[in-house]
N, C-alpha and C. Protein backbone atom coordinates (compact mmCIF):
# COMPACT_ATOMS: atom_id res chain seq x y z
N UNK A 1 -75.67 -3.44 -75.86
CA UNK A 1 -76.30 -2.94 -77.07
C UNK A 1 -77.63 -3.66 -77.32
N UNK A 2 -77.64 -4.98 -77.08
CA UNK A 2 -78.88 -5.75 -77.25
C UNK A 2 -79.97 -5.26 -76.32
N UNK A 3 -79.62 -4.97 -75.08
CA UNK A 3 -80.60 -4.48 -74.11
C UNK A 3 -81.19 -3.16 -74.58
N UNK A 4 -80.35 -2.23 -75.00
CA UNK A 4 -80.83 -0.92 -75.43
C UNK A 4 -81.74 -1.04 -76.65
N UNK A 5 -81.38 -1.89 -77.57
CA UNK A 5 -82.21 -2.13 -78.74
C UNK A 5 -83.56 -2.71 -78.33
N UNK A 6 -83.51 -3.70 -77.44
CA UNK A 6 -84.75 -4.33 -76.98
C UNK A 6 -85.65 -3.41 -76.18
N UNK A 7 -85.05 -2.40 -75.57
CA UNK A 7 -85.84 -1.52 -74.69
C UNK A 7 -86.59 -0.43 -75.44
N UNK A 8 -86.46 -0.38 -76.76
CA UNK A 8 -87.24 0.60 -77.53
C UNK A 8 -88.71 0.19 -77.47
N UNK A 9 -89.58 1.02 -76.86
CA UNK A 9 -90.99 0.65 -76.68
C UNK A 9 -91.84 1.02 -77.91
N UNK A 10 -91.75 0.19 -78.94
CA UNK A 10 -92.43 0.52 -80.19
C UNK A 10 -93.93 0.71 -80.03
N UNK A 11 -94.59 -0.11 -79.23
CA UNK A 11 -96.04 0.04 -79.03
C UNK A 11 -96.38 1.41 -78.46
N UNK A 12 -95.62 1.85 -77.49
CA UNK A 12 -95.84 3.15 -76.87
C UNK A 12 -95.55 4.26 -77.88
N UNK A 13 -94.43 4.16 -78.58
CA UNK A 13 -94.05 5.20 -79.54
C UNK A 13 -95.05 5.30 -80.69
N UNK A 14 -95.45 4.17 -81.24
CA UNK A 14 -96.38 4.20 -82.38
C UNK A 14 -97.75 4.74 -82.00
N UNK A 15 -98.26 4.35 -80.83
CA UNK A 15 -99.59 4.84 -80.44
C UNK A 15 -99.54 6.33 -80.12
N UNK A 16 -98.44 6.79 -79.54
CA UNK A 16 -98.32 8.24 -79.28
C UNK A 16 -98.23 9.00 -80.60
N UNK A 17 -97.42 8.49 -81.54
CA UNK A 17 -97.29 9.15 -82.84
C UNK A 17 -98.62 9.17 -83.60
N UNK A 18 -99.46 8.17 -83.37
CA UNK A 18 -100.77 8.09 -84.03
C UNK A 18 -101.82 8.94 -83.32
N UNK A 19 -101.42 9.60 -82.25
CA UNK A 19 -102.35 10.46 -81.53
C UNK A 19 -103.29 9.71 -80.60
N UNK A 20 -102.93 8.49 -80.23
CA UNK A 20 -103.80 7.69 -79.37
C UNK A 20 -103.44 7.78 -77.90
N UNK A 21 -102.46 8.58 -77.57
CA UNK A 21 -102.07 8.74 -76.18
C UNK A 21 -101.15 7.62 -75.71
N UNK A 22 -101.16 7.41 -74.42
CA UNK A 22 -100.28 6.43 -73.78
C UNK A 22 -100.96 5.06 -73.74
N UNK A 23 -100.41 4.09 -74.45
CA UNK A 23 -100.99 2.74 -74.53
C UNK A 23 -101.10 2.09 -73.16
N UNK A 24 -100.26 2.53 -72.24
CA UNK A 24 -100.28 1.94 -70.90
C UNK A 24 -101.52 2.32 -70.11
N UNK A 25 -102.32 3.24 -70.63
CA UNK A 25 -103.55 3.68 -69.95
C UNK A 25 -104.77 2.88 -70.36
N UNK A 26 -104.62 1.93 -71.30
CA UNK A 26 -105.78 1.13 -71.72
C UNK A 26 -105.50 -0.35 -71.56
N UNK A 27 -106.54 -1.14 -71.62
CA UNK A 27 -106.42 -2.60 -71.60
C UNK A 27 -105.54 -3.12 -70.49
N UNK A 28 -104.56 -3.92 -70.88
CA UNK A 28 -103.67 -4.55 -69.90
C UNK A 28 -102.62 -3.59 -69.37
N UNK A 29 -102.46 -2.45 -70.04
CA UNK A 29 -101.43 -1.51 -69.65
C UNK A 29 -100.06 -1.85 -70.23
N UNK A 30 -99.99 -2.92 -71.01
CA UNK A 30 -98.72 -3.32 -71.61
C UNK A 30 -98.44 -2.52 -72.87
N UNK A 31 -97.17 -2.59 -73.31
CA UNK A 31 -96.75 -1.84 -74.49
C UNK A 31 -96.70 -2.70 -75.75
N UNK A 32 -97.14 -3.94 -75.65
CA UNK A 32 -97.02 -4.88 -76.77
C UNK A 32 -98.17 -4.84 -77.75
N UNK A 33 -98.03 -5.64 -78.79
CA UNK A 33 -98.97 -5.65 -79.91
C UNK A 33 -100.40 -6.02 -79.51
N UNK A 34 -100.55 -6.96 -78.58
CA UNK A 34 -101.90 -7.37 -78.18
C UNK A 34 -102.66 -6.19 -77.56
N UNK A 35 -101.97 -5.41 -76.75
CA UNK A 35 -102.64 -4.26 -76.15
C UNK A 35 -102.86 -3.15 -77.19
N UNK A 36 -101.92 -2.98 -78.11
CA UNK A 36 -102.11 -1.99 -79.18
C UNK A 36 -103.34 -2.38 -80.01
N UNK A 37 -103.57 -3.67 -80.20
CA UNK A 37 -104.75 -4.13 -80.94
C UNK A 37 -106.04 -3.66 -80.26
N UNK A 38 -106.01 -3.51 -78.96
CA UNK A 38 -107.20 -3.06 -78.22
C UNK A 38 -107.60 -1.63 -78.58
N UNK A 39 -106.71 -0.87 -79.23
CA UNK A 39 -107.06 0.48 -79.69
C UNK A 39 -107.95 0.41 -80.92
N UNK A 40 -108.05 -0.78 -81.53
CA UNK A 40 -108.81 -0.94 -82.76
C UNK A 40 -108.00 -0.65 -84.00
N UNK A 41 -106.75 -0.34 -83.83
CA UNK A 41 -105.85 -0.01 -84.95
C UNK A 41 -105.02 -1.24 -85.30
N UNK A 42 -105.54 -2.07 -86.19
CA UNK A 42 -104.86 -3.31 -86.56
C UNK A 42 -103.50 -3.06 -87.20
N UNK A 43 -103.40 -2.01 -88.00
CA UNK A 43 -102.13 -1.68 -88.64
C UNK A 43 -101.06 -1.32 -87.62
N UNK A 44 -101.44 -0.56 -86.61
CA UNK A 44 -100.49 -0.20 -85.55
C UNK A 44 -100.08 -1.44 -84.75
N UNK A 45 -101.04 -2.31 -84.51
CA UNK A 45 -100.73 -3.54 -83.78
C UNK A 45 -99.77 -4.41 -84.59
N UNK A 46 -100.00 -4.51 -85.89
CA UNK A 46 -99.11 -5.30 -86.76
C UNK A 46 -97.72 -4.68 -86.80
N UNK A 47 -97.65 -3.36 -86.91
CA UNK A 47 -96.36 -2.68 -86.93
C UNK A 47 -95.62 -2.89 -85.61
N UNK A 48 -96.34 -2.84 -84.50
CA UNK A 48 -95.74 -3.09 -83.18
C UNK A 48 -95.19 -4.51 -83.12
N UNK A 49 -95.99 -5.47 -83.56
CA UNK A 49 -95.56 -6.87 -83.57
C UNK A 49 -94.28 -7.05 -84.38
N UNK A 50 -94.27 -6.50 -85.58
CA UNK A 50 -93.11 -6.66 -86.47
C UNK A 50 -91.88 -5.98 -85.89
N UNK A 51 -92.04 -4.74 -85.43
CA UNK A 51 -90.89 -4.01 -84.89
C UNK A 51 -90.36 -4.63 -83.60
N UNK A 52 -91.27 -5.10 -82.73
CA UNK A 52 -90.83 -5.76 -81.51
C UNK A 52 -90.09 -7.06 -81.82
N UNK A 53 -90.54 -7.78 -82.85
CA UNK A 53 -89.84 -9.00 -83.24
C UNK A 53 -88.49 -8.67 -83.88
N UNK A 54 -88.48 -7.69 -84.76
CA UNK A 54 -87.25 -7.38 -85.48
C UNK A 54 -86.14 -6.83 -84.59
N UNK A 55 -86.51 -6.18 -83.48
CA UNK A 55 -85.45 -5.71 -82.60
C UNK A 55 -84.72 -6.91 -81.96
N UNK A 56 -85.43 -7.99 -81.72
CA UNK A 56 -84.77 -9.22 -81.24
C UNK A 56 -83.90 -9.84 -82.31
N UNK A 57 -84.41 -9.87 -83.54
CA UNK A 57 -83.64 -10.41 -84.66
C UNK A 57 -82.39 -9.57 -84.92
N UNK A 58 -82.55 -8.25 -84.89
CA UNK A 58 -81.42 -7.35 -85.12
C UNK A 58 -80.34 -7.54 -84.06
N UNK A 59 -80.75 -7.68 -82.81
CA UNK A 59 -79.78 -7.88 -81.74
C UNK A 59 -78.98 -9.16 -81.96
N UNK A 60 -79.67 -10.22 -82.36
CA UNK A 60 -78.99 -11.49 -82.65
C UNK A 60 -78.00 -11.29 -83.80
N UNK A 61 -78.43 -10.60 -84.84
CA UNK A 61 -77.56 -10.33 -85.98
C UNK A 61 -76.31 -9.56 -85.58
N UNK A 62 -76.48 -8.57 -84.74
CA UNK A 62 -75.33 -7.80 -84.25
C UNK A 62 -74.41 -8.70 -83.43
N UNK A 63 -75.00 -9.55 -82.62
CA UNK A 63 -74.21 -10.50 -81.82
C UNK A 63 -73.39 -11.43 -82.70
N UNK A 64 -74.01 -11.93 -83.78
CA UNK A 64 -73.30 -12.80 -84.72
C UNK A 64 -72.18 -12.02 -85.42
N UNK A 65 -72.48 -10.79 -85.79
CA UNK A 65 -71.51 -9.98 -86.54
C UNK A 65 -70.25 -9.70 -85.72
N UNK A 66 -70.43 -9.37 -84.46
CA UNK A 66 -69.30 -8.99 -83.62
C UNK A 66 -68.77 -10.15 -82.77
N UNK A 67 -69.37 -11.30 -82.88
CA UNK A 67 -68.94 -12.41 -82.06
C UNK A 67 -69.24 -13.74 -82.72
N UNK A 68 -69.78 -14.63 -81.93
CA UNK A 68 -70.10 -15.98 -82.38
C UNK A 68 -71.49 -16.33 -81.86
N UNK A 69 -71.78 -17.62 -81.77
CA UNK A 69 -73.09 -18.01 -81.29
C UNK A 69 -73.33 -17.52 -79.86
N UNK A 70 -72.30 -17.54 -79.04
CA UNK A 70 -72.45 -17.05 -77.67
C UNK A 70 -72.83 -15.57 -77.67
N UNK A 71 -72.18 -14.79 -78.53
CA UNK A 71 -72.51 -13.37 -78.65
C UNK A 71 -73.93 -13.17 -79.14
N UNK A 72 -74.35 -14.00 -80.10
CA UNK A 72 -75.71 -13.91 -80.63
C UNK A 72 -76.74 -14.27 -79.56
N UNK A 73 -76.45 -15.32 -78.79
CA UNK A 73 -77.35 -15.73 -77.71
C UNK A 73 -77.46 -14.63 -76.65
N UNK A 74 -76.32 -14.07 -76.28
CA UNK A 74 -76.31 -13.02 -75.25
C UNK A 74 -77.04 -11.77 -75.74
N UNK A 75 -76.77 -11.36 -76.96
CA UNK A 75 -77.43 -10.16 -77.50
C UNK A 75 -78.93 -10.37 -77.64
N UNK A 76 -79.33 -11.55 -78.11
CA UNK A 76 -80.75 -11.84 -78.25
C UNK A 76 -81.45 -11.85 -76.91
N UNK A 77 -80.84 -12.51 -75.93
CA UNK A 77 -81.44 -12.55 -74.60
C UNK A 77 -81.50 -11.15 -74.00
N UNK A 78 -80.44 -10.36 -74.20
CA UNK A 78 -80.42 -8.99 -73.67
C UNK A 78 -81.53 -8.14 -74.29
N UNK A 79 -81.79 -8.33 -75.59
CA UNK A 79 -82.87 -7.57 -76.22
C UNK A 79 -84.23 -7.98 -75.65
N UNK A 80 -84.38 -9.26 -75.38
CA UNK A 80 -85.61 -9.76 -74.77
C UNK A 80 -85.82 -9.13 -73.38
N UNK A 81 -84.76 -9.13 -72.58
CA UNK A 81 -84.82 -8.51 -71.24
C UNK A 81 -85.11 -7.02 -71.36
N UNK A 82 -84.49 -6.37 -72.36
CA UNK A 82 -84.74 -4.94 -72.57
C UNK A 82 -86.19 -4.66 -72.90
N UNK A 83 -86.82 -5.53 -73.67
CA UNK A 83 -88.24 -5.34 -73.99
C UNK A 83 -89.11 -5.51 -72.75
N UNK A 84 -88.82 -6.53 -71.97
CA UNK A 84 -89.64 -6.81 -70.78
C UNK A 84 -89.40 -5.82 -69.64
N UNK A 85 -88.16 -5.35 -69.54
CA UNK A 85 -87.78 -4.48 -68.42
C UNK A 85 -86.99 -3.27 -68.93
N UNK A 86 -87.65 -2.39 -69.70
CA UNK A 86 -86.93 -1.23 -70.26
C UNK A 86 -86.64 -0.17 -69.20
N UNK A 87 -85.42 0.27 -69.18
CA UNK A 87 -85.00 1.29 -68.21
C UNK A 87 -85.82 2.56 -68.37
N UNK A 88 -86.22 2.88 -69.60
CA UNK A 88 -86.95 4.12 -69.89
C UNK A 88 -88.35 4.13 -69.30
N UNK A 89 -88.88 2.95 -69.01
CA UNK A 89 -90.26 2.85 -68.53
C UNK A 89 -90.31 2.25 -67.12
N UNK A 90 -89.29 2.53 -66.33
CA UNK A 90 -89.21 2.05 -64.94
C UNK A 90 -89.34 0.53 -64.87
N UNK A 91 -88.74 -0.15 -65.84
CA UNK A 91 -88.69 -1.62 -65.92
C UNK A 91 -90.05 -2.27 -66.15
N UNK A 92 -91.02 -1.50 -66.68
CA UNK A 92 -92.36 -2.02 -66.93
C UNK A 92 -92.61 -2.06 -68.43
N UNK A 93 -92.22 -3.16 -69.05
CA UNK A 93 -92.36 -3.31 -70.50
C UNK A 93 -93.43 -4.31 -70.86
N UNK A 94 -93.24 -4.90 -72.03
CA UNK A 94 -94.19 -5.89 -72.53
C UNK A 94 -93.91 -7.27 -71.98
N UNK A 95 -94.69 -8.22 -72.43
CA UNK A 95 -94.53 -9.60 -71.96
C UNK A 95 -93.50 -10.37 -72.78
N UNK A 96 -93.09 -9.82 -73.92
CA UNK A 96 -91.94 -10.35 -74.62
C UNK A 96 -92.19 -11.39 -75.70
N UNK A 97 -93.43 -11.65 -76.05
CA UNK A 97 -93.70 -12.73 -76.99
C UNK A 97 -93.16 -12.42 -78.39
N UNK A 98 -93.43 -11.23 -78.90
CA UNK A 98 -92.94 -10.88 -80.24
C UNK A 98 -91.41 -10.84 -80.26
N UNK A 99 -90.81 -10.27 -79.23
CA UNK A 99 -89.35 -10.21 -79.19
C UNK A 99 -88.77 -11.61 -79.06
N UNK A 100 -89.40 -12.48 -78.30
CA UNK A 100 -89.01 -13.88 -78.19
C UNK A 100 -88.99 -14.53 -79.58
N UNK A 101 -90.04 -14.32 -80.35
CA UNK A 101 -90.10 -14.89 -81.70
C UNK A 101 -89.03 -14.27 -82.60
N UNK A 102 -88.77 -12.99 -82.44
CA UNK A 102 -87.73 -12.34 -83.22
C UNK A 102 -86.35 -12.87 -82.90
N UNK A 103 -86.09 -13.14 -81.62
CA UNK A 103 -84.81 -13.74 -81.23
C UNK A 103 -84.70 -15.13 -81.85
N UNK A 104 -85.78 -15.89 -81.80
CA UNK A 104 -85.77 -17.22 -82.42
C UNK A 104 -85.52 -17.12 -83.93
N UNK A 105 -86.09 -16.12 -84.56
CA UNK A 105 -85.88 -15.93 -85.99
C UNK A 105 -84.39 -15.78 -86.29
N UNK A 106 -83.69 -15.02 -85.47
CA UNK A 106 -82.27 -14.81 -85.68
C UNK A 106 -81.41 -16.01 -85.31
N UNK A 107 -81.85 -16.78 -84.33
CA UNK A 107 -81.04 -17.90 -83.84
C UNK A 107 -81.32 -19.22 -84.57
N UNK A 108 -82.61 -19.48 -84.85
CA UNK A 108 -82.98 -20.75 -85.49
C UNK A 108 -84.37 -20.57 -86.11
N UNK A 109 -84.39 -20.09 -87.36
CA UNK A 109 -85.67 -19.71 -87.96
C UNK A 109 -86.68 -20.85 -88.06
N UNK A 110 -86.28 -22.12 -88.27
CA UNK A 110 -87.32 -23.16 -88.33
C UNK A 110 -88.13 -23.25 -87.03
N UNK A 111 -87.46 -23.05 -85.90
CA UNK A 111 -88.17 -23.09 -84.62
C UNK A 111 -89.12 -21.91 -84.50
N UNK A 112 -88.70 -20.74 -84.98
CA UNK A 112 -89.59 -19.58 -84.94
C UNK A 112 -90.82 -19.85 -85.78
N UNK A 113 -90.64 -20.42 -86.97
CA UNK A 113 -91.78 -20.71 -87.84
C UNK A 113 -92.74 -21.68 -87.17
N UNK A 114 -92.20 -22.76 -86.60
CA UNK A 114 -93.05 -23.75 -85.93
C UNK A 114 -93.75 -23.14 -84.71
N UNK A 115 -93.04 -22.33 -83.95
CA UNK A 115 -93.64 -21.68 -82.78
C UNK A 115 -94.72 -20.70 -83.19
N UNK A 116 -94.46 -19.93 -84.25
CA UNK A 116 -95.46 -18.98 -84.73
C UNK A 116 -96.70 -19.71 -85.25
N UNK A 117 -96.49 -20.84 -85.92
CA UNK A 117 -97.63 -21.63 -86.39
C UNK A 117 -98.44 -22.18 -85.21
N UNK A 118 -97.76 -22.60 -84.15
CA UNK A 118 -98.47 -23.05 -82.95
C UNK A 118 -99.26 -21.90 -82.33
N UNK A 119 -98.66 -20.70 -82.30
CA UNK A 119 -99.35 -19.53 -81.77
C UNK A 119 -100.62 -19.29 -82.61
N UNK A 120 -100.47 -19.29 -83.93
CA UNK A 120 -101.61 -19.03 -84.82
C UNK A 120 -102.70 -20.10 -84.68
N UNK A 121 -102.30 -21.36 -84.61
CA UNK A 121 -103.28 -22.44 -84.48
C UNK A 121 -104.03 -22.34 -83.16
N UNK A 122 -103.31 -22.05 -82.09
CA UNK A 122 -103.96 -21.91 -80.79
C UNK A 122 -104.87 -20.70 -80.77
N UNK A 123 -104.42 -19.59 -81.34
CA UNK A 123 -105.25 -18.38 -81.40
C UNK A 123 -106.50 -18.61 -82.25
N UNK A 124 -106.34 -19.32 -83.35
CA UNK A 124 -107.48 -19.57 -84.23
C UNK A 124 -108.53 -20.46 -83.57
N UNK A 125 -108.08 -21.42 -82.76
CA UNK A 125 -109.02 -22.35 -82.15
C UNK A 125 -109.59 -21.85 -80.82
N UNK A 126 -108.81 -21.07 -80.07
CA UNK A 126 -109.29 -20.64 -78.74
C UNK A 126 -109.60 -19.15 -78.66
N UNK A 127 -108.97 -18.34 -79.55
CA UNK A 127 -109.07 -16.88 -79.54
C UNK A 127 -108.46 -16.26 -78.28
N UNK A 128 -107.57 -16.98 -77.62
CA UNK A 128 -106.84 -16.44 -76.46
C UNK A 128 -105.40 -16.16 -76.86
N UNK A 129 -105.03 -14.89 -76.89
CA UNK A 129 -103.66 -14.52 -77.21
C UNK A 129 -102.70 -15.04 -76.14
N UNK A 130 -103.10 -14.92 -74.88
CA UNK A 130 -102.23 -15.35 -73.79
C UNK A 130 -101.96 -16.85 -73.86
N UNK A 131 -102.98 -17.65 -74.07
CA UNK A 131 -102.80 -19.10 -74.16
C UNK A 131 -101.92 -19.44 -75.36
N UNK A 132 -102.11 -18.72 -76.46
CA UNK A 132 -101.29 -18.94 -77.65
C UNK A 132 -99.82 -18.67 -77.34
N UNK A 133 -99.55 -17.61 -76.61
CA UNK A 133 -98.18 -17.27 -76.23
C UNK A 133 -97.58 -18.34 -75.32
N UNK A 134 -98.38 -18.83 -74.39
CA UNK A 134 -97.90 -19.85 -73.46
C UNK A 134 -97.57 -21.14 -74.20
N UNK A 135 -98.42 -21.54 -75.12
CA UNK A 135 -98.20 -22.77 -75.89
C UNK A 135 -96.94 -22.63 -76.76
N UNK A 136 -96.85 -21.52 -77.49
CA UNK A 136 -95.71 -21.31 -78.39
C UNK A 136 -94.39 -21.24 -77.63
N UNK A 137 -94.39 -20.54 -76.49
CA UNK A 137 -93.15 -20.39 -75.73
C UNK A 137 -92.74 -21.70 -75.07
N UNK A 138 -93.69 -22.49 -74.65
CA UNK A 138 -93.38 -23.79 -74.06
C UNK A 138 -92.83 -24.75 -75.11
N UNK A 139 -93.37 -24.68 -76.31
CA UNK A 139 -92.96 -25.60 -77.37
C UNK A 139 -91.57 -25.28 -77.92
N UNK A 140 -91.21 -24.02 -77.96
CA UNK A 140 -89.95 -23.62 -78.62
C UNK A 140 -88.71 -24.34 -78.07
N UNK A 141 -88.48 -24.37 -76.76
CA UNK A 141 -87.29 -25.09 -76.28
C UNK A 141 -87.33 -26.58 -76.61
N UNK A 142 -88.50 -27.15 -76.60
CA UNK A 142 -88.64 -28.58 -76.93
C UNK A 142 -88.28 -28.80 -78.40
N UNK A 143 -88.78 -27.94 -79.27
CA UNK A 143 -88.47 -28.03 -80.69
C UNK A 143 -86.95 -27.89 -80.91
N UNK A 144 -86.34 -26.95 -80.20
CA UNK A 144 -84.90 -26.73 -80.35
C UNK A 144 -84.10 -27.96 -79.90
N UNK A 145 -84.54 -28.61 -78.84
CA UNK A 145 -83.86 -29.84 -78.39
C UNK A 145 -83.99 -30.91 -79.46
N UNK A 146 -85.17 -31.02 -80.07
CA UNK A 146 -85.37 -32.00 -81.14
C UNK A 146 -84.46 -31.73 -82.34
N UNK A 147 -84.13 -30.46 -82.57
CA UNK A 147 -83.19 -30.10 -83.63
C UNK A 147 -81.73 -30.24 -83.17
N UNK A 148 -81.51 -30.56 -81.89
CA UNK A 148 -80.15 -30.68 -81.37
C UNK A 148 -79.50 -29.35 -81.06
N UNK A 149 -80.28 -28.29 -80.93
CA UNK A 149 -79.77 -26.95 -80.64
C UNK A 149 -79.87 -26.67 -79.14
N UNK A 150 -79.00 -27.29 -78.37
CA UNK A 150 -79.12 -27.27 -76.91
C UNK A 150 -78.83 -25.90 -76.30
N UNK A 151 -77.84 -25.19 -76.80
CA UNK A 151 -77.53 -23.87 -76.25
C UNK A 151 -78.68 -22.90 -76.50
N UNK A 152 -79.21 -22.93 -77.72
CA UNK A 152 -80.34 -22.06 -78.04
C UNK A 152 -81.56 -22.47 -77.21
N UNK A 153 -81.75 -23.78 -77.03
CA UNK A 153 -82.87 -24.28 -76.23
C UNK A 153 -82.81 -23.77 -74.80
N UNK A 154 -81.60 -23.70 -74.24
CA UNK A 154 -81.44 -23.22 -72.87
C UNK A 154 -81.87 -21.76 -72.76
N UNK A 155 -81.44 -20.94 -73.71
CA UNK A 155 -81.83 -19.52 -73.70
C UNK A 155 -83.33 -19.38 -73.95
N UNK A 156 -83.86 -20.17 -74.88
CA UNK A 156 -85.30 -20.13 -75.17
C UNK A 156 -86.11 -20.55 -73.95
N UNK A 157 -85.61 -21.54 -73.20
CA UNK A 157 -86.32 -21.99 -72.00
C UNK A 157 -86.35 -20.88 -70.95
N UNK A 158 -85.25 -20.15 -70.82
CA UNK A 158 -85.21 -19.04 -69.86
C UNK A 158 -86.19 -17.94 -70.28
N UNK A 159 -86.21 -17.62 -71.57
CA UNK A 159 -87.17 -16.61 -72.04
C UNK A 159 -88.60 -17.10 -71.86
N UNK A 160 -88.84 -18.39 -72.13
CA UNK A 160 -90.19 -18.96 -71.95
C UNK A 160 -90.61 -18.89 -70.49
N UNK A 161 -89.69 -19.16 -69.59
CA UNK A 161 -90.01 -19.07 -68.15
C UNK A 161 -90.44 -17.64 -67.80
N UNK A 162 -89.73 -16.66 -68.33
CA UNK A 162 -90.10 -15.26 -68.07
C UNK A 162 -91.47 -14.96 -68.67
N UNK A 163 -91.73 -15.46 -69.87
CA UNK A 163 -93.06 -15.26 -70.48
C UNK A 163 -94.14 -15.84 -69.57
N UNK A 164 -93.93 -17.04 -69.06
CA UNK A 164 -94.93 -17.66 -68.19
C UNK A 164 -95.11 -16.85 -66.90
N UNK A 165 -94.03 -16.37 -66.32
CA UNK A 165 -94.13 -15.56 -65.10
C UNK A 165 -94.88 -14.26 -65.40
N UNK A 166 -94.57 -13.64 -66.52
CA UNK A 166 -95.22 -12.37 -66.87
C UNK A 166 -96.69 -12.57 -67.27
N UNK A 167 -97.07 -13.79 -67.57
CA UNK A 167 -98.47 -14.10 -67.89
C UNK A 167 -99.23 -14.67 -66.67
N UNK A 168 -98.70 -14.51 -65.49
CA UNK A 168 -99.33 -15.08 -64.30
C UNK A 168 -100.80 -14.65 -64.17
N UNK A 169 -101.06 -13.36 -64.32
CA UNK A 169 -102.45 -12.88 -64.20
C UNK A 169 -103.32 -13.47 -65.30
N UNK A 170 -102.76 -13.61 -66.51
CA UNK A 170 -103.51 -14.22 -67.61
C UNK A 170 -103.84 -15.68 -67.31
N UNK A 171 -102.86 -16.41 -66.76
CA UNK A 171 -103.08 -17.81 -66.42
C UNK A 171 -104.20 -17.92 -65.39
N UNK A 172 -104.18 -17.04 -64.40
CA UNK A 172 -105.22 -17.03 -63.37
C UNK A 172 -106.59 -16.79 -64.01
N UNK A 173 -106.66 -15.83 -64.92
CA UNK A 173 -107.94 -15.54 -65.60
C UNK A 173 -108.36 -16.69 -66.51
N UNK A 174 -107.40 -17.31 -67.20
CA UNK A 174 -107.72 -18.47 -68.04
C UNK A 174 -108.33 -19.59 -67.21
N UNK A 175 -107.72 -19.88 -66.08
CA UNK A 175 -108.23 -20.96 -65.22
C UNK A 175 -109.60 -20.63 -64.64
N UNK A 176 -109.86 -19.34 -64.44
CA UNK A 176 -111.16 -18.92 -63.91
C UNK A 176 -112.20 -18.69 -65.02
N UNK A 177 -111.80 -18.84 -66.28
CA UNK A 177 -112.71 -18.61 -67.40
C UNK A 177 -113.02 -17.15 -67.61
N UNK A 178 -112.11 -16.26 -67.21
CA UNK A 178 -112.37 -14.81 -67.29
C UNK A 178 -111.41 -14.08 -68.22
N UNK A 179 -110.58 -14.80 -68.95
CA UNK A 179 -109.61 -14.15 -69.84
C UNK A 179 -110.31 -13.58 -71.07
N UNK A 180 -109.89 -12.40 -71.50
CA UNK A 180 -110.45 -11.78 -72.69
C UNK A 180 -109.98 -12.50 -73.95
N UNK A 181 -110.89 -12.62 -74.89
CA UNK A 181 -110.55 -13.26 -76.16
C UNK A 181 -110.13 -12.21 -77.17
N UNK A 182 -109.37 -12.64 -78.16
CA UNK A 182 -108.94 -11.76 -79.24
C UNK A 182 -110.18 -11.21 -79.94
N UNK A 183 -110.24 -9.90 -80.09
CA UNK A 183 -111.36 -9.27 -80.77
C UNK A 183 -112.52 -8.93 -79.86
N UNK A 184 -112.47 -9.37 -78.60
CA UNK A 184 -113.56 -9.06 -77.66
C UNK A 184 -113.41 -7.63 -77.16
N UNK A 185 -114.49 -7.00 -76.92
CA UNK A 185 -114.48 -5.61 -76.40
C UNK A 185 -114.45 -5.61 -74.91
């Protein structure tokens, strides 16, 4: 159930409903909020961000309702995998940052808040969405360990690893000084 919830491609659905066509045909080709922002529609990008995060939170909530922490961890991770590898889109989804934060919101909200603040601080100082995602995802498991939340930290570390792998091209561009900045055309 978590996977199916996570696999709902809100960025694709919202841009199509707004008459903007297939989001996968512009920018990075991803279905996430950062690419939706490239359409110039900030409201659609914000809605994509919120909906992609909330599907992770909802999956965790369902896991808690029908099980325990293990169920919540499994459902949250499954929603994250569903977002990154949706069956409906031939396993080509988003990079998972918003859904990652949504899963954290459901599992341990203080870590989500701290990770989101790190994302915002990095974005404000560098204007690189990708670098912000890398910093926030790397910090989250460390923050969870500091809170003594080892099981959640293990799942967060696995999601962070996937985020880093999915950002490989971004990392290459960052190192070469060729990565696009937030708001750049």
